[in-house]
Amino acid sequence: MSKHTVQESVVSLGLNEELPIVEGSTTSRTLLDNPLLRVVMFTFDTGQLLTTHSSPRAVVVTILEGQMEFVLDGEPHLMDAGDVLYMAPDAPHALTAKSPCRMQLVMVDPQQ
């Protein structure tokens, strides 16, 4: 995980090739991590899941590829490529990949 200052610009290229969807796996790569925000790309094969958890940060989820069931505050949402979801800090959430998926998270520290 790299730490970047808030004033520093970062470019990440070729991510689909560097972070392929792997059969039977969930993978992730942190693209940016600084005191203000954190950006992470995830890939999920069909059926991969993350059980209920929460984050102290505000989170914006963008589905980049595939279809995912995202449960937010106990309510399920079927999300497709291009769909975006905002989670308030500490909101309980879980997800299950309905097809091979690629997802981006942008986490913002509400204290900054």
N, C-alpha and C. Protein backbone atom coordinates (compact mmCIF):
# COMPACT_ATOMS: atom_id res chain seq x y z
N MET A 1 0.84 -1.16 0.00
CA MET A 1 0.00 0.00 0.00
C MET A 1 0.89 1.23 0.00
N SER A 2 0.63 2.13 -0.93
CA SER A 2 1.45 3.33 -0.99
C SER A 2 0.73 4.48 -0.31
N LYS A 3 1.50 5.32 0.35
CA LYS A 3 0.96 6.53 0.98
C LYS A 3 1.33 7.71 0.09
N HIS A 4 0.32 8.49 -0.29
CA HIS A 4 0.54 9.67 -1.11
C HIS A 4 0.09 10.88 -0.31
N THR A 5 0.74 12.01 -0.53
CA THR A 5 0.28 13.23 0.10
C THR A 5 -0.94 13.73 -0.64
N VAL A 6 -1.72 14.57 0.00
CA VAL A 6 -2.94 15.09 -0.60
C VAL A 6 -2.62 15.98 -1.80
N GLN A 7 -1.47 16.62 -1.82
CA GLN A 7 -1.10 17.52 -2.90
C GLN A 7 -0.55 16.80 -4.13
N GLU A 8 -0.28 15.53 -4.03
CA GLU A 8 0.36 14.76 -5.09
C GLU A 8 -0.68 14.20 -6.07
N SER A 9 -0.40 14.31 -7.36
CA SER A 9 -1.26 13.71 -8.38
C SER A 9 -0.78 12.30 -8.66
N VAL A 10 -1.72 11.40 -8.98
CA VAL A 10 -1.39 10.00 -9.23
C VAL A 10 -2.14 9.53 -10.48
N VAL A 11 -1.46 8.80 -11.35
CA VAL A 11 -2.07 8.20 -12.53
C VAL A 11 -1.88 6.70 -12.44
N SER A 12 -2.96 5.93 -12.62
CA SER A 12 -2.89 4.46 -12.62
C SER A 12 -3.42 3.98 -13.97
N LEU A 13 -2.56 3.36 -14.76
CA LEU A 13 -2.92 2.90 -16.11
C LEU A 13 -2.88 1.37 -16.18
N GLY A 14 -3.64 0.80 -17.11
CA GLY A 14 -3.59 -0.63 -17.37
C GLY A 14 -4.12 -1.49 -16.24
N LEU A 15 -5.06 -0.95 -15.45
CA LEU A 15 -5.53 -1.67 -14.27
C LEU A 15 -6.26 -2.96 -14.61
N ASN A 16 -7.03 -2.99 -15.70
CA ASN A 16 -7.75 -4.22 -16.05
C ASN A 16 -6.78 -5.35 -16.34
N GLU A 17 -5.65 -5.04 -16.94
CA GLU A 17 -4.64 -6.06 -17.21
C GLU A 17 -3.87 -6.44 -15.95
N GLU A 18 -3.56 -5.45 -15.13
CA GLU A 18 -2.80 -5.70 -13.91
C GLU A 18 -3.61 -6.38 -12.81
N LEU A 19 -4.93 -6.19 -12.86
CA LEU A 19 -5.81 -6.77 -11.85
C LEU A 19 -6.94 -7.52 -12.54
N PRO A 20 -6.62 -8.68 -13.13
CA PRO A 20 -7.65 -9.45 -13.84
C PRO A 20 -8.63 -10.09 -12.86
N ILE A 21 -9.80 -10.45 -13.36
CA ILE A 21 -10.75 -11.21 -12.56
C ILE A 21 -10.25 -12.66 -12.55
N VAL A 22 -9.99 -13.18 -11.36
CA VAL A 22 -9.39 -14.51 -11.19
C VAL A 22 -10.48 -15.49 -10.77
N GLU A 23 -10.53 -16.62 -11.46
CA GLU A 23 -11.55 -17.63 -11.16
C GLU A 23 -11.51 -18.03 -9.69
N GLY A 24 -12.69 -17.99 -9.06
CA GLY A 24 -12.82 -18.41 -7.67
C GLY A 24 -12.21 -17.48 -6.65
N SER A 25 -11.93 -16.22 -7.03
CA SER A 25 -11.20 -15.32 -6.13
C SER A 25 -11.80 -13.93 -6.06
N THR A 26 -11.44 -13.24 -5.00
CA THR A 26 -11.64 -11.81 -4.84
C THR A 26 -10.25 -11.21 -4.72
N THR A 27 -9.96 -10.18 -5.51
CA THR A 27 -8.66 -9.52 -5.44
C THR A 27 -8.87 -8.02 -5.30
N SER A 28 -7.85 -7.33 -4.83
CA SER A 28 -7.95 -5.88 -4.70
C SER A 28 -6.59 -5.24 -4.84
N ARG A 29 -6.62 -3.97 -5.19
CA ARG A 29 -5.40 -3.17 -5.26
C ARG A 29 -5.74 -1.76 -4.81
N THR A 30 -4.94 -1.24 -3.87
CA THR A 30 -5.09 0.14 -3.44
C THR A 30 -4.40 1.03 -4.45
N LEU A 31 -5.16 1.97 -5.02
CA LEU A 31 -4.63 2.87 -6.03
C LEU A 31 -4.15 4.20 -5.44
N LEU A 32 -4.77 4.60 -4.35
CA LEU A 32 -4.42 5.86 -3.70
C LEU A 32 -4.79 5.74 -2.23
N ASP A 33 -3.91 6.21 -1.37
CA ASP A 33 -4.18 6.18 0.07
C ASP A 33 -3.48 7.37 0.70
N ASN A 34 -4.27 8.35 1.11
CA ASN A 34 -3.71 9.52 1.77
C ASN A 34 -4.65 9.92 2.91
N PRO A 35 -4.33 10.95 3.68
CA PRO A 35 -5.17 11.30 4.82
C PRO A 35 -6.61 11.69 4.45
N LEU A 36 -6.84 12.12 3.22
CA LEU A 36 -8.18 12.55 2.80
C LEU A 36 -9.00 11.42 2.21
N LEU A 37 -8.39 10.61 1.32
CA LEU A 37 -9.17 9.57 0.67
C LEU A 37 -8.35 8.35 0.33
N ARG A 38 -9.08 7.27 0.07
CA ARG A 38 -8.48 6.01 -0.32
C ARG A 38 -9.29 5.48 -1.50
N VAL A 39 -8.59 5.03 -2.55
CA VAL A 39 -9.24 4.48 -3.74
C VAL A 39 -8.74 3.05 -3.91
N VAL A 40 -9.69 2.11 -4.01
CA VAL A 40 -9.34 0.69 -4.13
C VAL A 40 -10.14 0.09 -5.28
N MET A 41 -9.48 -0.71 -6.11
CA MET A 41 -10.17 -1.47 -7.15
C MET A 41 -10.25 -2.91 -6.67
N PHE A 42 -11.44 -3.51 -6.81
CA PHE A 42 -11.68 -4.90 -6.46
C PHE A 42 -12.11 -5.67 -7.70
N THR A 43 -11.79 -6.96 -7.74
CA THR A 43 -12.38 -7.87 -8.71
C THR A 43 -12.97 -9.05 -7.93
N PHE A 44 -14.08 -9.57 -8.43
CA PHE A 44 -14.78 -10.69 -7.81
C PHE A 44 -15.20 -11.66 -8.90
N ASP A 45 -14.95 -12.93 -8.71
CA ASP A 45 -15.52 -13.94 -9.59
C ASP A 45 -16.96 -14.19 -9.14
N THR A 46 -17.76 -14.78 -10.00
CA THR A 46 -19.15 -15.10 -9.68
C THR A 46 -19.23 -15.85 -8.36
N GLY A 47 -20.14 -15.40 -7.48
CA GLY A 47 -20.36 -16.06 -6.20
C GLY A 47 -19.47 -15.59 -5.07
N GLN A 48 -18.42 -14.83 -5.37
CA GLN A 48 -17.56 -14.30 -4.32
C GLN A 48 -18.34 -13.25 -3.52
N LEU A 49 -18.04 -13.15 -2.24
CA LEU A 49 -18.81 -12.24 -1.40
C LEU A 49 -17.96 -11.61 -0.32
N LEU A 50 -18.47 -10.53 0.21
CA LEU A 50 -17.93 -9.91 1.42
C LEU A 50 -19.09 -9.88 2.41
N THR A 51 -18.88 -10.45 3.59
CA THR A 51 -19.94 -10.49 4.60
C THR A 51 -20.14 -9.09 5.19
N THR A 52 -21.18 -8.94 5.96
CA THR A 52 -21.56 -7.63 6.51
C THR A 52 -20.41 -7.02 7.31
N HIS A 53 -20.12 -5.78 6.98
CA HIS A 53 -19.08 -5.01 7.65
C HIS A 53 -19.42 -3.53 7.48
N SER A 54 -18.60 -2.65 8.01
CA SER A 54 -18.82 -1.21 7.86
C SER A 54 -17.47 -0.52 7.77
N SER A 55 -17.51 0.76 7.40
CA SER A 55 -16.30 1.56 7.30
C SER A 55 -16.53 2.88 8.04
N PRO A 56 -15.53 3.37 8.77
CA PRO A 56 -15.68 4.67 9.42
C PRO A 56 -15.67 5.83 8.42
N ARG A 57 -15.29 5.53 7.16
CA ARG A 57 -15.24 6.55 6.12
C ARG A 57 -16.52 6.56 5.30
N ALA A 58 -16.84 7.68 4.68
CA ALA A 58 -17.89 7.74 3.67
C ALA A 58 -17.35 7.03 2.43
N VAL A 59 -18.20 6.26 1.72
CA VAL A 59 -17.75 5.44 0.62
C VAL A 59 -18.63 5.63 -0.60
N VAL A 60 -18.00 5.78 -1.76
CA VAL A 60 -18.70 5.77 -3.04
C VAL A 60 -18.26 4.51 -3.79
N VAL A 61 -19.22 3.67 -4.16
CA VAL A 61 -18.97 2.42 -4.88
C VAL A 61 -19.41 2.60 -6.32
N THR A 62 -18.56 2.25 -7.27
CA THR A 62 -18.92 2.25 -8.69
C THR A 62 -18.68 0.85 -9.23
N ILE A 63 -19.72 0.27 -9.84
CA ILE A 63 -19.56 -1.03 -10.50
C ILE A 63 -19.04 -0.74 -11.90
N LEU A 64 -17.87 -1.26 -12.21
CA LEU A 64 -17.22 -1.00 -13.49
C LEU A 64 -17.52 -2.08 -14.51
N GLU A 65 -17.79 -3.31 -14.02
CA GLU A 65 -18.02 -4.45 -14.91
C GLU A 65 -18.82 -5.48 -14.13
N GLY A 66 -19.78 -6.14 -14.78
CA GLY A 66 -20.51 -7.23 -14.17
C GLY A 66 -21.73 -6.78 -13.39
N GLN A 67 -22.24 -7.71 -12.58
CA GLN A 67 -23.44 -7.48 -11.79
C GLN A 67 -23.19 -7.97 -10.36
N MET A 68 -23.65 -7.17 -9.39
CA MET A 68 -23.41 -7.45 -7.99
C MET A 68 -24.65 -7.14 -7.18
N GLU A 69 -24.94 -8.00 -6.19
CA GLU A 69 -25.97 -7.66 -5.21
C GLU A 69 -25.26 -6.99 -4.04
N PHE A 70 -25.67 -5.78 -3.77
CA PHE A 70 -25.06 -4.99 -2.70
C PHE A 70 -26.14 -4.74 -1.65
N VAL A 71 -25.92 -5.21 -0.43
CA VAL A 71 -26.88 -5.02 0.65
C VAL A 71 -26.39 -3.85 1.50
N LEU A 72 -27.18 -2.80 1.56
CA LEU A 72 -26.83 -1.59 2.31
C LEU A 72 -27.92 -1.33 3.34
N ASP A 73 -27.54 -1.25 4.61
CA ASP A 73 -28.49 -1.06 5.70
C ASP A 73 -29.62 -2.09 5.64
N GLY A 74 -29.28 -3.33 5.27
CA GLY A 74 -30.24 -4.42 5.24
C GLY A 74 -31.10 -4.48 3.98
N GLU A 75 -30.95 -3.53 3.07
CA GLU A 75 -31.76 -3.50 1.85
C GLU A 75 -30.91 -3.91 0.64
N PRO A 76 -31.34 -4.95 -0.11
CA PRO A 76 -30.55 -5.40 -1.27
C PRO A 76 -30.74 -4.49 -2.48
N HIS A 77 -29.66 -4.31 -3.23
CA HIS A 77 -29.68 -3.52 -4.47
C HIS A 77 -28.93 -4.32 -5.52
N LEU A 78 -29.57 -4.62 -6.64
CA LEU A 78 -28.90 -5.32 -7.73
C LEU A 78 -28.24 -4.25 -8.60
N MET A 79 -26.92 -4.26 -8.65
CA MET A 79 -26.16 -3.21 -9.32
C MET A 79 -25.47 -3.77 -10.56
N ASP A 80 -25.51 -3.00 -11.64
CA ASP A 80 -24.87 -3.34 -12.90
C ASP A 80 -23.76 -2.36 -13.20
N ALA A 81 -22.94 -2.67 -14.21
CA ALA A 81 -21.86 -1.78 -14.63
C ALA A 81 -22.41 -0.37 -14.85
N GLY A 82 -21.74 0.61 -14.28
CA GLY A 82 -22.15 2.00 -14.39
C GLY A 82 -22.97 2.50 -13.21
N ASP A 83 -23.45 1.60 -12.36
CA ASP A 83 -24.23 2.00 -11.19
C ASP A 83 -23.31 2.49 -10.08
N VAL A 84 -23.81 3.45 -9.31
CA VAL A 84 -23.05 4.07 -8.23
C VAL A 84 -23.88 4.05 -6.96
N LEU A 85 -23.22 3.82 -5.83
CA LEU A 85 -23.88 3.77 -4.53
C LEU A 85 -23.05 4.59 -3.55
N TYR A 86 -23.71 5.38 -2.72
CA TYR A 86 -23.03 6.13 -1.66
C TYR A 86 -23.39 5.52 -0.32
N MET A 87 -22.37 5.31 0.53
CA MET A 87 -22.60 4.81 1.87
C MET A 87 -22.11 5.83 2.89
N ALA A 88 -22.98 6.16 3.83
CA ALA A 88 -22.59 7.04 4.93
C ALA A 88 -21.60 6.30 5.82
N PRO A 89 -20.77 7.02 6.57
CA PRO A 89 -19.85 6.35 7.49
C PRO A 89 -20.60 5.40 8.42
N ASP A 90 -20.00 4.25 8.66
CA ASP A 90 -20.50 3.22 9.58
C ASP A 90 -21.76 2.49 9.09
N ALA A 91 -22.17 2.68 7.84
CA ALA A 91 -23.34 1.97 7.31
C ALA A 91 -22.99 0.49 7.10
N PRO A 92 -23.77 -0.43 7.67
CA PRO A 92 -23.48 -1.85 7.44
C PRO A 92 -23.79 -2.24 6.00
N HIS A 93 -22.90 -3.04 5.41
CA HIS A 93 -23.09 -3.45 4.03
C HIS A 93 -22.41 -4.79 3.77
N ALA A 94 -22.89 -5.47 2.73
CA ALA A 94 -22.34 -6.76 2.30
C ALA A 94 -22.56 -6.84 0.80
N LEU A 95 -21.85 -7.75 0.13
CA LEU A 95 -22.04 -7.88 -1.31
C LEU A 95 -21.76 -9.29 -1.79
N THR A 96 -22.41 -9.63 -2.91
CA THR A 96 -22.20 -10.91 -3.58
C THR A 96 -22.14 -10.67 -5.08
N ALA A 97 -21.11 -11.17 -5.73
CA ALA A 97 -20.96 -11.03 -7.18
C ALA A 97 -21.92 -12.00 -7.88
N LYS A 98 -22.79 -11.47 -8.73
CA LYS A 98 -23.73 -12.29 -9.49
C LYS A 98 -23.11 -12.73 -10.82
N SER A 99 -22.03 -12.08 -11.20
CA SER A 99 -21.24 -12.43 -12.39
C SER A 99 -19.82 -11.95 -12.09
N PRO A 100 -18.85 -12.27 -12.95
CA PRO A 100 -17.52 -11.70 -12.72
C PRO A 100 -17.63 -10.17 -12.68
N CYS A 101 -17.05 -9.55 -11.66
CA CYS A 101 -17.24 -8.11 -11.42
C CYS A 101 -15.93 -7.38 -11.20
N ARG A 102 -15.98 -6.11 -11.52
CA ARG A 102 -14.91 -5.17 -11.21
C ARG A 102 -15.59 -3.97 -10.55
N MET A 103 -15.06 -3.55 -9.39
CA MET A 103 -15.69 -2.50 -8.60
C MET A 103 -14.62 -1.54 -8.09
N GLN A 104 -14.95 -0.27 -8.04
CA GLN A 104 -14.05 0.74 -7.47
C GLN A 104 -14.69 1.35 -6.23
N LEU A 105 -13.90 1.48 -5.17
CA LEU A 105 -14.33 2.16 -3.96
C LEU A 105 -13.53 3.44 -3.81
N VAL A 106 -14.22 4.51 -3.46
CA VAL A 106 -13.56 5.76 -3.08
C VAL A 106 -14.03 6.06 -1.66
N MET A 107 -13.09 6.03 -0.73
CA MET A 107 -13.40 6.25 0.69
C MET A 107 -12.86 7.61 1.11
N VAL A 108 -13.72 8.42 1.70
CA VAL A 108 -13.35 9.76 2.12
C VAL A 108 -13.47 9.87 3.64
N ASP A 109 -12.44 10.38 4.27
CA ASP A 109 -12.46 10.55 5.71
C ASP A 109 -13.31 11.77 6.05
N PRO A 110 -14.43 11.57 6.76
CA PRO A 110 -15.31 12.71 7.07
C PRO A 110 -14.69 13.70 8.03
N GLN A 111 -13.59 13.33 8.68
CA GLN A 111 -12.94 14.23 9.63
C GLN A 111 -11.97 15.21 8.95
N GLN A 112 -11.67 14.98 7.67
CA GLN A 112 -10.69 15.83 6.97
C GLN A 112 -11.33 17.06 6.38
